Amino acid sequence: MSEGSLVIGTRRYSSWSLRGWLAVRLAGLDVEEVVIPLSNDGNTSAIKTISPSGKVPYLEHRGVAVWESIAICEYCADHVPSLWPASPRPRAFARSIAAEMHAGFRALRAAMPMNVGRNARPLANGTTDDIDADIARIDAIWTEARLDFGQDGAFLFGPQFTLADVMFAPIVSRFLSYGVTPSPESVAYMKAVRAHPLVDQWYQDALAEPKEWRNARFEDIP
């Protein structure tokens, strides 16, 4: 019998669900997955009856309720501290960029919602200065982390896929979906994230979801 449940939205689109799911799976928490398809109007009533915030992901584990992806990440790190870098300096950097991701990059997130079924197709009307600024900042974060802390591995802080990588995994997905090509250092990072077994499993599960779950709000972006 499982020790709880993790409620997520449609895998094809739910970037925050991907973050929570990756953290939970990396921590090895024994929870049942509950998938709720996202509605076209962005107001999924079934989620509101379960999650205190009315949003996904929502974790219940051993009688503890946790919502918001970054809180789920910290809960998972309580169980598996190695999900953050061990040394103070890289750990502080990792937590800082994770929080920056949680709060920022709104122009990019609004213009390029996650859709794992979209493959390297740029926005028909191109990008804006705000989107370009978000892309440049993300590229700078990835490059600095990899050159300063991750030189001995494929991810931001070396060979281990940390919670910082978890927070940026949906951005990698967006860049791949919308044909965003940052610096060579960041492109190498994107390839490593996409090839990670858990990320690949998410993609495969997303592409196997019923077609009835497709959402015009995400599919009809030119």
Protein backbone atom coordinates (compact mmCIF):
# COMPACT_ATOMS: atom_id res chain seq x y z
CA MET A 1 0.00 0.00 0.00
CA SER A 2 1.29 3.45 -0.93
CA GLU A 3 2.11 6.09 1.66
CA GLY A 4 0.07 8.83 0.04
CA SER A 5 -0.72 10.46 -3.29
CA LEU A 6 0.63 13.03 -5.71
CA VAL A 7 -1.99 14.94 -7.67
CA ILE A 8 -0.76 16.31 -10.98
CA GLY A 9 -2.29 17.87 -14.07
CA THR A 10 -2.11 16.78 -17.68
CA ARG A 11 1.50 15.73 -18.26
CA ARG A 12 1.54 17.21 -21.74
CA TYR A 13 1.08 20.73 -20.36
CA SER A 14 1.59 20.94 -16.60
CA SER A 15 5.05 22.33 -16.02
CA TRP A 16 4.59 22.70 -12.27
CA SER A 17 3.37 19.12 -12.04
CA LEU A 18 6.56 17.99 -13.77
CA ARG A 19 8.63 19.73 -11.10
CA GLY A 20 6.73 18.14 -8.24
CA TRP A 21 6.72 14.74 -9.87
CA LEU A 22 10.46 14.78 -10.55
CA ALA A 23 11.23 15.76 -6.96
CA VAL A 24 8.99 13.02 -5.56
CA ARG A 25 10.45 10.36 -7.84
CA LEU A 26 14.04 11.43 -7.14
CA ALA A 27 13.30 11.19 -3.42
CA GLY A 28 11.77 7.75 -3.87
CA LEU A 29 8.53 8.61 -2.05
CA ASP A 30 6.00 5.78 -2.30
CA VAL A 31 2.91 7.66 -3.46
CA GLU A 32 0.11 6.98 -5.90
CA GLU A 33 -0.14 9.31 -8.90
CA VAL A 34 -3.49 10.96 -9.55
CA VAL A 35 -3.74 12.75 -12.91
CA ILE A 36 -6.46 15.36 -13.43
CA PRO A 37 -6.86 16.71 -16.99
CA LEU A 38 -6.60 20.50 -17.17
CA SER A 39 -9.66 22.33 -18.45
CA ASN A 40 -9.63 24.71 -21.41
CA ASP A 41 -10.57 27.72 -19.30
CA GLY A 42 -7.77 27.23 -16.76
CA ASN A 43 -10.29 26.63 -13.98
CA THR A 44 -10.18 22.89 -13.26
CA SER A 45 -12.83 22.33 -10.61
CA ALA A 46 -11.67 18.80 -9.76
CA ILE A 47 -8.32 20.18 -8.61
CA LYS A 48 -9.94 22.87 -6.47
CA THR A 49 -11.75 20.20 -4.44
CA ILE A 50 -8.46 18.48 -3.56
CA SER A 51 -5.66 21.03 -3.36
CA PRO A 52 -5.73 23.87 -0.78
CA SER A 53 -4.41 26.29 -3.40
CA GLY A 54 -6.63 24.92 -6.14
CA LYS A 55 -3.54 24.13 -8.16
CA VAL A 56 -1.24 21.19 -8.91
CA PRO A 57 0.97 19.55 -7.85
CA TYR A 58 -0.39 18.55 -4.48
CA LEU A 59 1.34 15.95 -2.32
CA GLU A 60 0.02 13.97 0.61
CA HIS A 61 2.65 11.74 2.21
CA ARG A 62 2.45 9.99 5.57
CA GLY A 63 -0.27 12.36 6.71
CA VAL A 64 1.61 15.48 5.62
CA ALA A 65 0.10 17.80 2.98
CA VAL A 66 2.41 19.83 0.75
CA TRP A 67 1.55 22.08 -2.17
CA GLU A 68 3.56 24.44 -4.41
CA SER A 69 6.37 22.80 -6.36
CA ILE A 70 9.19 24.49 -4.49
CA ALA A 71 7.72 23.39 -1.14
CA ILE A 72 7.45 19.83 -2.44
CA CYS A 73 11.10 20.05 -3.48
CA GLU A 74 12.11 21.10 0.03
CA TYR A 75 9.98 18.36 1.57
CA CYS A 76 11.74 15.83 -0.64
CA ALA A 77 15.11 17.27 0.36
CA ASP A 78 14.15 16.75 4.01
CA HIS A 79 13.98 13.03 3.15
CA VAL A 80 16.97 13.01 0.79
CA PRO A 81 19.33 15.93 1.56
CA SER A 82 21.59 15.04 -1.37
CA LEU A 83 18.95 16.42 -3.72
CA TRP A 84 20.68 19.77 -3.06
CA PRO A 85 24.45 20.16 -3.53
CA ALA A 86 26.37 19.26 -0.38
CA SER A 87 28.69 22.28 -0.04
CA PRO A 88 27.35 25.63 1.17
CA ARG A 89 28.31 27.77 -1.83
CA PRO A 90 26.83 25.63 -4.61
CA ARG A 91 23.83 24.80 -2.39
CA ALA A 92 23.14 28.51 -1.89
CA PHE A 93 23.46 29.14 -5.62
CA ALA A 94 21.17 26.20 -6.40
CA ARG A 95 18.49 27.39 -3.98
CA SER A 96 18.74 30.94 -5.31
CA ILE A 97 18.24 29.99 -8.94
CA ALA A 98 15.44 27.59 -8.00
CA ALA A 99 13.63 30.42 -6.23
CA GLU A 100 14.31 32.76 -9.15
CA MET A 101 12.73 30.20 -11.46
CA HIS A 102 9.73 29.80 -9.18
CA ALA A 103 9.03 33.53 -9.12
CA GLY A 104 10.28 34.76 -12.48
CA PHE A 105 10.46 34.48 -16.25
CA ARG A 106 6.79 35.34 -16.61
CA ALA A 107 7.05 36.68 -20.17
CA LEU A 108 8.56 33.44 -21.45
CA ARG A 109 6.18 31.25 -19.45
CA ALA A 110 3.13 33.14 -20.73
CA ALA A 111 4.18 33.14 -24.38
CA MET A 112 5.54 29.59 -24.45
CA PRO A 113 3.39 27.31 -22.28
CA MET A 114 4.71 23.79 -21.91
CA ASN A 115 3.51 21.36 -24.57
CA VAL A 116 5.64 18.24 -24.92
CA GLY A 117 3.82 17.42 -28.15
CA ARG A 118 5.18 20.52 -29.87
CA ASN A 119 8.54 19.92 -31.52
CA ALA A 120 10.99 22.76 -32.29
CA ARG A 121 8.32 25.06 -33.77
CA PRO A 122 9.07 28.73 -33.09
CA LEU A 123 6.36 31.25 -32.32
CA ALA A 124 4.87 32.47 -35.59
CA ASN A 125 5.15 36.12 -34.55
CA GLY A 126 8.59 35.77 -33.03
CA THR A 127 9.67 36.85 -29.57
CA THR A 128 9.52 40.14 -27.67
CA ASP A 129 12.22 42.02 -25.79
CA ASP A 130 10.83 40.66 -22.51
CA ILE A 131 10.94 37.07 -23.75
CA ASP A 132 14.46 37.55 -25.10
CA ALA A 133 15.55 38.95 -21.74
CA ASP A 134 14.15 35.87 -19.98
CA ILE A 135 15.95 33.56 -22.41
CA ALA A 136 19.23 35.43 -21.93
CA ARG A 137 18.96 35.28 -18.14
CA ILE A 138 18.21 31.55 -18.16
CA ASP A 139 21.13 30.95 -20.50
CA ALA A 140 23.38 32.93 -18.15
CA ILE A 141 22.20 30.94 -15.12
CA TRP A 142 22.79 27.60 -16.79
CA THR A 143 26.19 28.63 -18.12
CA GLU A 144 27.41 30.03 -14.81
CA ALA A 145 26.25 26.98 -12.86
CA ARG A 146 27.80 24.50 -15.27
CA LEU A 147 31.12 26.33 -15.62
CA ASP A 148 31.46 27.11 -11.92
CA PHE A 149 29.97 24.02 -10.26
CA GLY A 150 29.11 21.42 -12.89
CA GLN A 151 32.28 20.86 -14.84
CA ASP A 152 32.49 17.20 -13.84
CA GLY A 153 29.03 16.25 -15.10
CA ALA A 154 26.16 16.92 -17.46
CA PHE A 155 23.87 18.83 -15.12
CA LEU A 156 23.96 22.22 -13.40
CA PHE A 157 25.96 20.97 -10.42
CA GLY A 158 27.79 18.02 -11.89
CA PRO A 159 26.75 14.42 -12.48
CA GLN A 160 23.76 14.44 -10.12
CA PHE A 161 20.33 15.66 -11.22
CA THR A 162 19.50 18.06 -8.38
CA LEU A 163 16.42 20.04 -7.40
CA ALA A 164 17.81 22.99 -9.35
CA ASP A 165 17.63 20.83 -12.47
CA VAL A 166 14.11 19.83 -11.45
CA MET A 167 13.02 23.46 -11.35
CA PHE A 168 14.45 24.17 -14.81
CA ALA A 169 13.36 20.95 -16.53
CA PRO A 170 10.10 22.49 -17.84
CA ILE A 171 12.10 25.40 -19.28
CA VAL A 172 14.22 22.88 -21.15
CA SER A 173 10.98 21.41 -22.46
CA ARG A 174 9.77 24.83 -23.57
CA PHE A 175 13.03 25.62 -25.35
CA LEU A 176 12.83 22.30 -27.20
CA SER A 177 9.17 22.82 -28.09
CA TYR A 178 9.60 26.36 -29.41
CA GLY A 179 12.97 25.94 -31.09
CA VAL A 180 14.90 28.17 -28.68
CA THR A 181 18.64 27.73 -29.19
CA PRO A 182 20.76 29.33 -26.45
CA SER A 183 24.54 29.03 -26.10
CA PRO A 184 26.35 25.75 -26.87
CA GLU A 185 26.89 25.20 -23.13
CA SER A 186 23.15 25.44 -22.52
CA VAL A 187 22.27 23.31 -25.54
CA ALA A 188 24.46 20.54 -24.11
CA TYR A 189 22.62 20.91 -20.81
CA MET A 190 19.24 20.72 -22.54
CA LYS A 191 20.21 17.47 -24.23
CA ALA A 192 21.30 15.98 -20.91
CA VAL A 193 18.05 16.95 -19.17
CA ARG A 194 15.89 15.59 -21.98
CA ALA A 195 17.81 12.30 -21.90
CA HIS A 196 17.43 11.83 -18.14
CA PRO A 197 15.40 8.65 -17.56
CA LEU A 198 12.77 10.35 -15.43
CA VAL A 199 12.29 13.22 -17.87
CA ASP A 200 12.04 10.74 -20.72
CA GLN A 201 9.49 8.72 -18.76
CA TRP A 202 7.41 11.88 -18.28
CA TYR A 203 7.52 12.53 -22.03
CA GLN A 204 6.49 8.98 -22.87
CA ASP A 205 3.62 9.06 -20.39
CA ALA A 206 2.53 12.48 -21.66
CA LEU A 207 2.46 11.35 -25.27
CA ALA A 208 0.38 8.31 -24.26
CA GLU A 209 -2.35 10.40 -22.63
CA PRO A 210 -5.82 10.25 -24.21
CA LYS A 211 -6.36 12.64 -27.10
CA GLU A 212 -9.52 13.78 -25.32
CA TRP A 213 -7.25 15.49 -22.81
CA ARG A 214 -5.79 17.80 -25.47
CA ASN A 215 -6.37 21.44 -24.63
CA ALA A 216 -6.88 24.09 -27.31
CA ARG A 217 -5.46 26.73 -24.97
CA PHE A 218 -2.04 25.13 -25.38
CA GLU A 219 -2.35 23.45 -28.77
CA ASP A 220 -3.53 26.45 -30.81
CA ILE A 221 -0.54 28.68 -30.19
CA PRO A 222 0.82 29.56 -33.65
